[in-house]
């Protein structure tokens, strides 16, 4: 899963650097992301595992919704194609997260 995330980030970075997509790659977590991760710092063992699994399921559901919406309604053809091609991997990751116990 980590390798797939690195690949999708590199793909997006390539679109940005190639001028196909206008924007900037984030260099750090934003405040909302930090707030989501903060509770994990005080957990360990099974409590950490349960919270992490829930977080992964929710994050992948949110990503699928975002990518699906852009694949349907986005205004940049290259980015729409990238979003569409990435959805299969995102759905696979969600299934992996759902299979965790």
N, C-alpha and C. Protein backbone atom coordinates (compact mmCIF):
# COMPACT_ATOMS: atom_id res chain seq x y z
N UNK A 1 0.83 -1.18 0.00
CA UNK A 1 0.00 0.00 0.00
C UNK A 1 0.88 1.26 0.00
N UNK A 2 1.97 1.22 0.74
CA UNK A 2 2.87 2.38 0.79
C UNK A 2 3.45 2.66 -0.59
N UNK A 3 3.86 1.62 -1.29
CA UNK A 3 4.42 1.80 -2.63
C UNK A 3 3.38 2.38 -3.59
N UNK A 4 2.15 1.93 -3.48
CA UNK A 4 1.08 2.46 -4.33
C UNK A 4 0.83 3.94 -4.03
N UNK A 5 0.88 4.31 -2.76
CA UNK A 5 0.69 5.72 -2.39
C UNK A 5 1.85 6.57 -2.91
N UNK A 6 3.05 6.04 -2.81
CA UNK A 6 4.20 6.77 -3.34
C UNK A 6 4.08 6.95 -4.84
N UNK A 7 3.61 5.92 -5.54
CA UNK A 7 3.44 6.00 -6.99
C UNK A 7 2.39 7.04 -7.36
N UNK A 8 1.25 7.01 -6.68
CA UNK A 8 0.19 7.98 -7.02
C UNK A 8 0.64 9.41 -6.72
N UNK A 9 1.40 9.60 -5.65
CA UNK A 9 1.94 10.93 -5.35
C UNK A 9 2.93 11.36 -6.43
N UNK A 10 3.78 10.44 -6.86
CA UNK A 10 4.74 10.76 -7.92
C UNK A 10 4.03 11.07 -9.23
N UNK A 11 2.97 10.33 -9.53
CA UNK A 11 2.18 10.60 -10.74
C UNK A 11 1.58 12.00 -10.70
N UNK A 12 0.99 12.34 -9.57
CA UNK A 12 0.39 13.67 -9.43
C UNK A 12 1.45 14.75 -9.52
N UNK A 13 2.57 14.51 -8.88
CA UNK A 13 3.68 15.48 -8.94
C UNK A 13 4.14 15.66 -10.39
N UNK A 14 4.18 14.59 -11.15
CA UNK A 14 4.55 14.67 -12.56
C UNK A 14 3.57 15.52 -13.36
N UNK A 15 2.28 15.38 -13.06
CA UNK A 15 1.26 16.21 -13.73
C UNK A 15 1.47 17.69 -13.40
N UNK A 16 1.79 17.97 -12.14
CA UNK A 16 2.00 19.35 -11.72
C UNK A 16 3.27 19.91 -12.35
N UNK A 17 4.36 19.18 -12.24
CA UNK A 17 5.64 19.66 -12.78
C UNK A 17 5.62 19.77 -14.30
N UNK A 18 4.82 18.93 -14.95
CA UNK A 18 4.70 18.98 -16.40
C UNK A 18 3.77 20.07 -16.89
N UNK A 19 3.15 20.77 -15.95
CA UNK A 19 2.26 21.86 -16.31
C UNK A 19 0.87 21.42 -16.69
N UNK A 20 0.59 20.12 -16.60
CA UNK A 20 -0.75 19.63 -16.95
C UNK A 20 -1.78 19.98 -15.88
N UNK A 21 -1.33 20.09 -14.65
CA UNK A 21 -2.20 20.41 -13.52
C UNK A 21 -1.60 21.58 -12.79
N UNK A 22 -2.43 22.54 -12.44
CA UNK A 22 -1.95 23.71 -11.72
C UNK A 22 -2.21 23.51 -10.23
N UNK A 23 -1.18 23.65 -9.45
CA UNK A 23 -1.27 23.47 -8.01
C UNK A 23 0.09 23.20 -7.44
N UNK A 24 0.11 22.92 -6.17
CA UNK A 24 1.36 22.62 -5.47
C UNK A 24 1.18 21.35 -4.66
N UNK A 25 2.22 20.56 -4.62
CA UNK A 25 2.21 19.38 -3.76
C UNK A 25 2.44 19.83 -2.33
N UNK A 26 1.64 19.34 -1.40
CA UNK A 26 1.86 19.70 0.00
C UNK A 26 3.21 19.18 0.48
N UNK A 27 3.86 19.95 1.31
CA UNK A 27 5.17 19.57 1.85
C UNK A 27 5.06 19.07 3.29
N UNK A 28 3.90 19.27 3.89
CA UNK A 28 3.69 18.86 5.29
C UNK A 28 2.20 18.63 5.50
N UNK A 29 1.88 18.02 6.62
CA UNK A 29 0.47 17.83 6.98
C UNK A 29 -0.17 19.17 7.28
N UNK A 30 -1.43 19.32 6.89
CA UNK A 30 -2.15 20.54 7.26
C UNK A 30 -2.78 20.35 8.65
N UNK A 31 -3.39 21.38 9.17
CA UNK A 31 -3.94 21.31 10.53
C UNK A 31 -5.02 20.24 10.67
N UNK A 32 -5.87 20.08 9.67
CA UNK A 32 -6.92 19.07 9.74
C UNK A 32 -6.31 17.66 9.80
N UNK A 33 -5.27 17.44 9.02
CA UNK A 33 -4.61 16.13 9.04
C UNK A 33 -3.93 15.89 10.38
N UNK A 34 -3.30 16.92 10.92
CA UNK A 34 -2.65 16.78 12.23
C UNK A 34 -3.68 16.46 13.31
N UNK A 35 -4.85 17.09 13.24
CA UNK A 35 -5.90 16.83 14.23
C UNK A 35 -6.40 15.39 14.14
N UNK A 36 -6.47 14.86 12.92
CA UNK A 36 -6.92 13.48 12.76
C UNK A 36 -5.90 12.50 13.35
N UNK A 37 -4.63 12.81 13.21
CA UNK A 37 -3.57 11.90 13.68
C UNK A 37 -3.29 12.02 15.17
N UNK A 38 -3.57 13.18 15.74
CA UNK A 38 -3.21 13.44 17.13
C UNK A 38 -3.69 12.37 18.12
N UNK A 39 -4.92 11.89 18.01
CA UNK A 39 -5.36 10.88 18.99
C UNK A 39 -4.52 9.60 18.97
N UNK A 40 -3.91 9.28 17.85
CA UNK A 40 -3.10 8.06 17.79
C UNK A 40 -1.89 8.12 18.71
N UNK A 41 -1.38 9.33 18.94
CA UNK A 41 -0.16 9.49 19.75
C UNK A 41 -0.35 9.01 21.19
N UNK A 42 -1.57 9.06 21.68
CA UNK A 42 -1.80 8.68 23.07
C UNK A 42 -2.29 7.23 23.21
N UNK A 43 -2.34 6.51 22.11
CA UNK A 43 -2.83 5.13 22.14
C UNK A 43 -1.70 4.14 21.92
N UNK A 44 -1.93 2.93 22.38
CA UNK A 44 -1.00 1.85 22.08
C UNK A 44 -1.76 0.53 22.06
N UNK A 45 -1.09 -0.49 21.62
CA UNK A 45 -1.69 -1.82 21.61
C UNK A 45 -2.95 -1.88 20.76
N UNK A 46 -3.93 -2.61 21.28
CA UNK A 46 -5.18 -2.83 20.55
C UNK A 46 -5.94 -1.53 20.32
N UNK A 47 -5.88 -0.60 21.26
CA UNK A 47 -6.58 0.68 21.07
C UNK A 47 -6.00 1.44 19.88
N UNK A 48 -4.67 1.42 19.75
CA UNK A 48 -4.03 2.07 18.60
C UNK A 48 -4.46 1.36 17.31
N UNK A 49 -4.39 0.04 17.33
CA UNK A 49 -4.74 -0.73 16.14
C UNK A 49 -6.17 -0.45 15.69
N UNK A 50 -7.10 -0.46 16.63
CA UNK A 50 -8.51 -0.21 16.30
C UNK A 50 -8.71 1.19 15.72
N UNK A 51 -8.09 2.19 16.34
CA UNK A 51 -8.23 3.56 15.85
C UNK A 51 -7.58 3.72 14.48
N UNK A 52 -6.43 3.11 14.29
CA UNK A 52 -5.72 3.19 13.01
C UNK A 52 -6.54 2.55 11.90
N UNK A 53 -7.10 1.38 12.15
CA UNK A 53 -7.90 0.69 11.14
C UNK A 53 -9.12 1.53 10.77
N UNK A 54 -9.79 2.08 11.76
CA UNK A 54 -10.94 2.95 11.49
C UNK A 54 -10.52 4.14 10.65
N UNK A 55 -9.39 4.74 11.01
CA UNK A 55 -8.89 5.89 10.27
C UNK A 55 -8.57 5.53 8.82
N UNK A 56 -7.98 4.37 8.60
CA UNK A 56 -7.64 3.95 7.23
C UNK A 56 -8.90 3.70 6.41
N UNK A 57 -9.89 3.10 7.01
CA UNK A 57 -11.15 2.86 6.29
C UNK A 57 -11.79 4.19 5.90
N UNK A 58 -11.87 5.10 6.85
CA UNK A 58 -12.49 6.40 6.57
C UNK A 58 -11.70 7.19 5.53
N UNK A 59 -10.37 7.18 5.64
CA UNK A 59 -9.53 7.93 4.70
C UNK A 59 -9.69 7.40 3.28
N UNK A 60 -9.76 6.10 3.13
CA UNK A 60 -9.90 5.54 1.79
C UNK A 60 -11.31 5.77 1.23
N UNK A 61 -12.31 5.76 2.09
CA UNK A 61 -13.66 6.08 1.63
C UNK A 61 -13.72 7.54 1.15
N UNK A 62 -13.10 8.44 1.89
CA UNK A 62 -13.06 9.85 1.50
C UNK A 62 -12.30 10.03 0.19
N UNK A 63 -11.18 9.33 0.04
CA UNK A 63 -10.39 9.44 -1.19
C UNK A 63 -11.19 8.92 -2.39
N UNK A 64 -11.89 7.82 -2.21
CA UNK A 64 -12.70 7.27 -3.30
C UNK A 64 -13.79 8.25 -3.70
N UNK A 65 -14.43 8.86 -2.73
CA UNK A 65 -15.47 9.85 -3.03
C UNK A 65 -14.89 11.04 -3.80
N UNK A 66 -13.74 11.53 -3.37
CA UNK A 66 -13.09 12.66 -4.02
C UNK A 66 -12.67 12.31 -5.45
N UNK A 67 -12.01 11.18 -5.62
CA UNK A 67 -11.54 10.78 -6.95
C UNK A 67 -12.70 10.47 -7.88
N UNK A 68 -13.76 9.85 -7.34
CA UNK A 68 -14.94 9.54 -8.15
C UNK A 68 -15.61 10.82 -8.64
N UNK A 69 -15.75 11.78 -7.75
CA UNK A 69 -16.38 13.05 -8.12
C UNK A 69 -15.57 13.75 -9.20
N UNK A 70 -14.25 13.75 -9.05
CA UNK A 70 -13.43 14.42 -10.07
C UNK A 70 -13.45 13.64 -11.38
N UNK A 71 -13.43 12.33 -11.30
CA UNK A 71 -13.46 11.51 -12.51
C UNK A 71 -14.74 11.78 -13.30
N UNK A 72 -15.84 12.05 -12.61
CA UNK A 72 -17.12 12.34 -13.27
C UNK A 72 -17.23 13.79 -13.73
N UNK A 73 -16.78 14.72 -12.89
CA UNK A 73 -17.10 16.13 -13.11
C UNK A 73 -15.90 17.06 -13.22
N UNK A 74 -14.70 16.54 -13.21
CA UNK A 74 -13.52 17.38 -13.24
C UNK A 74 -13.40 18.17 -14.53
N UNK A 75 -12.63 19.24 -14.48
CA UNK A 75 -12.51 20.11 -15.64
C UNK A 75 -11.18 19.95 -16.38
N UNK A 76 -10.31 19.08 -15.92
CA UNK A 76 -9.04 18.85 -16.59
C UNK A 76 -9.00 17.40 -17.06
N UNK A 77 -8.92 17.20 -18.38
CA UNK A 77 -9.00 15.85 -18.95
C UNK A 77 -7.90 14.92 -18.43
N UNK A 78 -6.66 15.43 -18.35
CA UNK A 78 -5.56 14.59 -17.87
C UNK A 78 -5.78 14.18 -16.42
N UNK A 79 -6.21 15.12 -15.60
CA UNK A 79 -6.44 14.82 -14.19
C UNK A 79 -7.64 13.89 -14.02
N UNK A 80 -8.67 14.06 -14.84
CA UNK A 80 -9.82 13.15 -14.81
C UNK A 80 -9.37 11.72 -15.13
N UNK A 81 -8.54 11.58 -16.15
CA UNK A 81 -8.04 10.25 -16.52
C UNK A 81 -7.21 9.65 -15.39
N UNK A 82 -6.38 10.47 -14.75
CA UNK A 82 -5.56 9.99 -13.64
C UNK A 82 -6.46 9.57 -12.47
N UNK A 83 -7.46 10.38 -12.16
CA UNK A 83 -8.37 10.04 -11.06
C UNK A 83 -9.08 8.72 -11.36
N UNK A 84 -9.55 8.58 -12.60
CA UNK A 84 -10.24 7.36 -13.00
C UNK A 84 -9.33 6.15 -12.88
N UNK A 85 -8.09 6.29 -13.36
CA UNK A 85 -7.17 5.16 -13.33
C UNK A 85 -6.70 4.82 -11.92
N UNK A 86 -6.81 5.75 -10.99
CA UNK A 86 -6.37 5.52 -9.61
C UNK A 86 -7.47 4.89 -8.76
N UNK A 87 -8.71 4.99 -9.20
CA UNK A 87 -9.83 4.48 -8.41
C UNK A 87 -9.74 2.98 -8.11
N UNK A 88 -9.28 2.20 -9.06
CA UNK A 88 -9.16 0.76 -8.82
C UNK A 88 -8.25 0.44 -7.65
N UNK A 89 -7.11 1.12 -7.61
CA UNK A 89 -6.16 0.92 -6.51
C UNK A 89 -6.75 1.38 -5.18
N UNK A 90 -7.45 2.51 -5.20
CA UNK A 90 -8.08 3.02 -3.98
C UNK A 90 -9.13 2.04 -3.45
N UNK A 91 -9.92 1.50 -4.35
CA UNK A 91 -10.93 0.51 -3.94
C UNK A 91 -10.27 -0.74 -3.37
N UNK A 92 -9.17 -1.15 -3.97
CA UNK A 92 -8.43 -2.31 -3.45
C UNK A 92 -7.91 -2.01 -2.04
N UNK A 93 -7.38 -0.81 -1.83
CA UNK A 93 -6.87 -0.44 -0.51
C UNK A 93 -8.00 -0.41 0.52
N UNK A 94 -9.18 0.07 0.12
CA UNK A 94 -10.30 0.09 1.04
C UNK A 94 -10.67 -1.34 1.42
N UNK A 95 -10.69 -2.24 0.46
CA UNK A 95 -10.99 -3.63 0.76
C UNK A 95 -9.95 -4.23 1.70
N UNK A 96 -8.68 -3.87 1.49
CA UNK A 96 -7.63 -4.34 2.40
C UNK A 96 -7.88 -3.81 3.81
N UNK A 97 -8.23 -2.53 3.91
CA UNK A 97 -8.49 -1.93 5.23
C UNK A 97 -9.70 -2.58 5.88
N UNK A 98 -10.72 -2.88 5.09
CA UNK A 98 -11.92 -3.53 5.63
C UNK A 98 -11.62 -4.95 6.12
N UNK A 99 -10.62 -5.59 5.54
CA UNK A 99 -10.31 -6.97 5.94
C UNK A 99 -9.48 -7.04 7.22
N UNK A 100 -8.95 -5.91 7.65
CA UNK A 100 -8.18 -5.89 8.90
C UNK A 100 -9.10 -6.12 10.07
N UNK A 101 -8.60 -6.84 11.07
CA UNK A 101 -9.42 -7.12 12.25
C UNK A 101 -8.70 -6.66 13.49
